[in-house]
Protein backbone atom coordinates (compact mmCIF):
# COMPACT_ATOMS: atom_id res chain seq x y z
CA MET A 1 -111.14 56.75 -30.90
CA LEU A 2 -112.75 57.02 -27.58
CA LEU A 3 -109.41 56.54 -25.81
CA ARG A 4 -107.79 59.36 -27.74
CA PHE A 5 -110.59 61.69 -26.82
CA GLU A 6 -110.26 60.85 -23.19
CA HIS A 7 -106.54 61.52 -23.35
CA TRP A 8 -106.93 64.99 -24.77
CA LYS A 9 -109.73 65.79 -22.41
CA GLY A 10 -107.61 65.02 -19.34
CA ARG A 11 -104.72 67.02 -20.71
CA ALA A 12 -106.91 70.08 -21.36
CA ALA A 13 -108.27 69.89 -17.86
CA ARG A 14 -104.73 69.95 -16.42
CA LEU A 15 -103.77 72.96 -18.55
CA ALA A 16 -106.88 74.83 -17.49
CA LEU A 17 -106.09 74.11 -13.87
CA VAL A 18 -102.53 75.44 -14.22
CA ALA A 19 -103.79 78.58 -15.96
CA LEU A 20 -106.30 79.15 -13.20
CA VAL A 21 -103.60 78.84 -10.52
CA HIS A 22 -101.41 81.39 -12.30
CA ALA A 23 -104.31 83.79 -12.68
CA LEU A 24 -105.13 83.53 -8.99
CA ALA A 25 -101.49 84.16 -8.08
CA ILE A 26 -101.38 87.25 -10.26
CA LEU A 27 -104.61 88.62 -8.75
CA LEU A 28 -103.38 87.89 -5.24
CA GLY A 29 -100.10 89.70 -5.88
CA TYR A 30 -101.89 92.69 -7.37
CA TYR A 31 -104.15 93.20 -4.39
CA LEU A 32 -101.52 92.54 -1.77
CA SER A 33 -98.77 94.82 -3.21
CA PRO A 34 -98.80 98.65 -2.30
CA PRO A 35 -100.01 101.02 -4.93
CA ILE A 36 -97.24 102.29 -7.20
CA THR A 37 -96.99 106.09 -7.12
CA PRO A 38 -95.50 107.52 -10.27
CA ARG A 39 -92.29 109.54 -9.63
CA LYS A 40 -92.57 113.25 -10.05
CA PRO A 41 -90.01 114.82 -12.35
CA GLU A 42 -87.11 116.43 -10.39
CA ALA A 43 -87.09 120.19 -10.34
CA GLU A 44 -84.09 121.79 -12.02
CA LEU A 45 -81.63 123.51 -9.64
CA GLU A 46 -80.79 126.98 -10.83
CA VAL A 47 -77.65 128.55 -9.25
CA THR A 48 -77.04 132.26 -9.57
CA MET A 49 -73.46 133.48 -8.78
CA LEU A 50 -73.57 136.74 -6.88
CA PRO A 51 -70.45 138.96 -6.56
CA ALA A 52 -68.75 138.80 -3.18
CA PRO A 53 -69.04 141.84 -0.86
CA ARG A 54 -66.43 144.49 -1.47
CA ASP A 55 -65.01 144.26 2.07
CA MET A 56 -64.45 140.51 1.72
CA ARG A 57 -62.57 140.73 -1.53
CA GLN A 58 -58.87 140.07 -1.25
CA GLU A 59 -56.48 141.63 -3.56
CA LYS A 60 -54.33 139.24 -5.41
CA PRO A 61 -50.70 139.45 -4.34
CA LYS A 62 -48.71 141.16 -6.95
CA SER A 63 -46.41 138.74 -8.62
CA ARG A 64 -44.06 141.47 -9.59
CA THR A 65 -42.55 143.87 -7.12
CA SER A 66 -42.33 147.52 -7.95
CA LYS A 67 -39.15 149.02 -9.26
CA ALA A 68 -38.53 150.76 -5.94
CA GLN A 69 -38.85 147.46 -4.04
CA ARG A 70 -36.49 145.76 -6.46
CA LYS A 71 -33.99 148.52 -5.97
CA GLU A 72 -34.24 148.16 -2.19
CA ALA A 73 -33.92 144.40 -2.45
CA ARG A 74 -30.67 144.66 -4.34
CA PRO A 75 -27.74 144.60 -1.93
CA LYS A 76 -25.71 147.73 -2.01
CA PRO A 77 -22.09 147.19 -3.00
CA ALA A 78 -19.70 147.47 -0.11
CA THR A 79 -17.82 150.73 0.02
CA ILE A 80 -14.12 150.11 -0.50
CA VAL A 81 -12.00 152.51 1.50
CA VAL A 82 -8.58 152.91 0.01
CA PRO A 83 -6.13 153.96 2.73
CA GLU A 84 -4.16 157.00 1.87
CA PRO A 85 -0.45 156.29 1.54
CA GLU A 86 1.63 157.61 4.36
CA VAL A 87 3.61 160.57 3.15
CA PRO A 88 6.87 161.00 5.02
CA LEU A 89 7.38 164.39 6.56
CA PRO A 90 9.66 166.50 4.44
CA MET A 91 13.13 167.04 5.80
CA ILE A 92 13.90 170.66 6.40
CA MET A 93 17.25 171.34 4.83
CA MET A 94 19.11 174.42 5.97
CA SER A 95 21.48 176.17 3.69
CA SER A 96 25.13 176.49 4.51
CA ASP A 97 24.62 180.22 5.09
CA VAL A 98 22.22 179.51 7.94
CA PHE A 99 24.65 177.12 9.58
CA ARG A 100 27.51 179.49 8.98
CA ALA A 101 25.58 182.19 10.81
CA SER A 102 25.13 179.86 13.78
CA ASP A 103 28.74 178.60 13.76
CA ILE A 104 29.83 178.83 17.38
CA SER A 105 33.48 178.71 16.36
CA LYS A 106 33.12 182.28 15.04
CA ILE A 107 31.60 183.61 18.25
CA ARG A 108 34.04 185.53 20.38
CA SER A 109 34.61 183.48 23.47
CA ARG A 110 35.54 184.76 26.86
CA SER A 111 39.06 184.46 28.13
CA ASP A 112 40.11 180.90 28.76
CA ALA A 113 41.46 181.75 32.21
CA PRO A 114 39.14 180.75 35.04
CA ALA A 115 38.37 177.10 35.47
CA LEU A 116 34.90 178.02 36.69
CA ALA A 117 34.00 179.88 33.49
CA GLU A 118 30.52 178.97 32.28
CA GLY A 119 28.36 179.31 29.16
CA ALA A 120 25.88 182.02 28.24
CA ASP A 121 23.10 182.72 30.71
CA ASP A 122 19.52 182.59 29.43
CA SER A 123 16.18 181.67 30.94
CA ASP A 124 15.41 179.15 28.17
CA PRO A 125 18.02 179.10 25.39
CA SER A 126 16.98 175.69 24.06
CA VAL A 127 17.10 175.17 20.29
CA GLY A 128 15.49 171.74 19.98
CA VAL A 129 14.58 168.44 21.61
CA GLY A 130 16.98 165.58 22.27
CA PRO A 131 16.71 161.99 23.50
CA GLY A 132 13.78 161.37 25.85
CA GLY A 133 12.35 164.82 25.14
CA ALA A 134 15.33 166.61 26.75
CA LYS A 135 16.02 170.16 25.62
CA VAL A 136 19.03 170.83 23.40
CA TYR A 137 21.14 173.99 23.61
CA ASN A 138 23.75 175.57 21.38
CA ALA A 139 27.26 174.71 22.54
CA GLU A 140 29.87 177.28 23.53
CA TRP A 141 33.55 176.42 23.32
CA TYR A 142 35.66 176.42 26.46
CA ARG A 143 38.65 175.53 24.26
CA LYS A 144 38.50 174.89 20.53
CA PRO A 145 40.20 171.69 19.31
CA THR A 146 43.56 172.02 17.63
CA ASP A 147 44.26 170.97 14.05
CA ALA A 148 46.36 168.08 15.32
CA GLU A 149 43.48 166.80 17.49
CA ILE A 150 41.05 166.42 14.60
CA SER A 151 43.29 165.84 11.58
CA GLY A 152 43.51 162.11 12.24
CA TYR A 153 39.71 161.78 11.99
CA MET A 154 39.17 163.74 8.77
CA PRO A 155 37.99 161.78 5.69
CA LYS A 156 40.88 161.03 3.35
CA ASN A 157 38.89 161.78 0.20
CA LEU A 158 37.58 165.19 1.31
CA ASN A 159 38.17 167.61 -1.60
CA GLN A 160 35.95 170.58 -0.70
CA SER A 161 34.93 172.66 2.26
CA GLY A 162 32.08 171.48 4.46
CA TRP A 163 30.54 171.39 7.89
CA ALA A 164 29.28 168.88 10.44
CA LEU A 165 26.56 169.06 13.09
CA ILE A 166 26.59 166.72 16.09
CA MET A 167 24.79 166.54 19.45
CA CYS A 168 26.52 165.62 22.73
CA ARG A 169 25.75 165.48 26.45
CA THR A 170 27.87 167.65 28.74
CA ILE A 171 29.76 166.13 31.68
CA ALA A 172 32.21 167.43 34.27
CA ASP A 173 35.53 169.06 33.35
CA TYR A 174 33.98 170.65 30.22
CA ARG A 175 33.84 167.33 28.47
CA VAL A 176 31.08 165.76 26.37
CA GLU A 177 29.89 162.20 25.77
CA ASP A 178 27.17 160.17 24.02
CA CYS A 179 27.66 162.20 20.83
CA ARG A 180 25.35 161.61 17.88
CA GLU A 181 25.48 162.67 14.22
CA LEU A 182 22.81 165.14 13.07
CA ASP A 183 23.78 166.47 9.65
CA GLU A 184 26.70 167.24 7.37
CA TRP A 185 27.70 168.88 4.12
CA PRO A 186 28.51 167.53 1.61
CA HIS A 187 26.06 164.72 2.35
CA GLY A 188 27.86 161.41 2.64
CA SER A 189 31.24 163.09 3.11
CA GLY A 190 31.76 161.54 6.57
CA LEU A 191 32.42 164.86 8.34
CA ALA A 192 29.72 164.26 10.97
CA ARG A 193 31.20 160.84 11.74
CA ALA A 194 34.68 162.41 12.03
CA MET A 195 33.45 165.06 14.49
CA ARG A 196 31.60 162.46 16.57
CA GLN A 197 34.75 160.35 16.87
CA ALA A 198 36.94 163.35 17.75
CA ALA A 199 34.44 164.85 20.24
CA TRP A 200 36.05 163.17 23.25
CA GLN A 201 38.74 165.87 22.94
CA PHE A 202 36.28 168.78 22.79
CA ARG A 203 36.04 171.23 25.72
CA ILE A 204 32.53 172.73 25.96
CA ARG A 205 31.17 175.16 28.57
CA PRO A 206 28.08 173.86 30.43
CA THR A 207 24.85 175.68 29.69
CA ARG A 208 23.72 178.28 32.23
CA ILE A 209 20.01 178.49 33.06
CA ASN A 210 18.80 181.10 35.55
CA GLY A 211 22.40 181.75 36.56
CA LYS A 212 23.23 178.09 37.28
CA SER A 213 25.43 175.72 35.30
CA GLN A 214 23.56 172.69 33.98
CA ILE A 215 25.91 169.73 33.63
CA GLY A 216 24.30 166.79 31.86
CA THR A 217 22.37 168.85 29.34
CA TRP A 218 22.48 168.14 25.60
CA VAL A 219 24.28 170.62 23.35
CA ARG A 220 24.49 171.00 19.58
CA ILE A 221 28.00 171.45 18.17
CA HIS A 222 28.49 172.90 14.69
CA TYR A 223 31.95 172.63 13.14
CA THR A 224 33.08 174.17 9.83
CA ILE A 225 36.06 172.89 7.81
CA THR A 226 37.76 174.42 4.77
CA LEU A 227 40.49 173.06 2.56
CA THR A 228 42.91 175.77 3.61
CA GLU A 229 42.02 175.97 7.26
CA ARG A 230 40.40 173.68 9.76
CA ARG A 231 38.51 175.28 12.56
């Protein structure tokens, strides 16, 4: 009984010692640690949104352009220029009466005697323009061709009266060369071609300008033919 009491007594003393050590440690820690200051509650932050100054405001870019800007932005369609068709110059057709009036075969010629006989004298009797811009004059017969001289050149199928107009260049001895076809009636009858081929036999007076004979000038020869008589 005594032993048990001694056992419990020693054990209680040990527990009391441990409790005392812990109490001293707690007291020591309390006095040595800094005082704890309670945290103050944080003040609430109040933000007030003020409008920006008027001069610093920026206008929003318009997302849509005005109608005028859209019209300007559209590319204008290219102007298509249609070239005007070239219209050929109308051919001036003279009636047979006009050519008949200018038929040199009906003009009274001078006597065929002198070899130095010359054409009509005029300061500028030109009636048109020939090759290279040369002036053209009306021809005057020195000797009219005979029926035999031109009959071999006449078209075989000619069945009506007509006329031919050719242009030739005068040379010496009242001759002509370089003849060219100008017009004829009926058209397509071949009379102008016949006169051009027979012209090597023609005898034409050279044109006189300011009293001087002009050999080498171009002359226009008009020749009329009928079914009953060839001139």
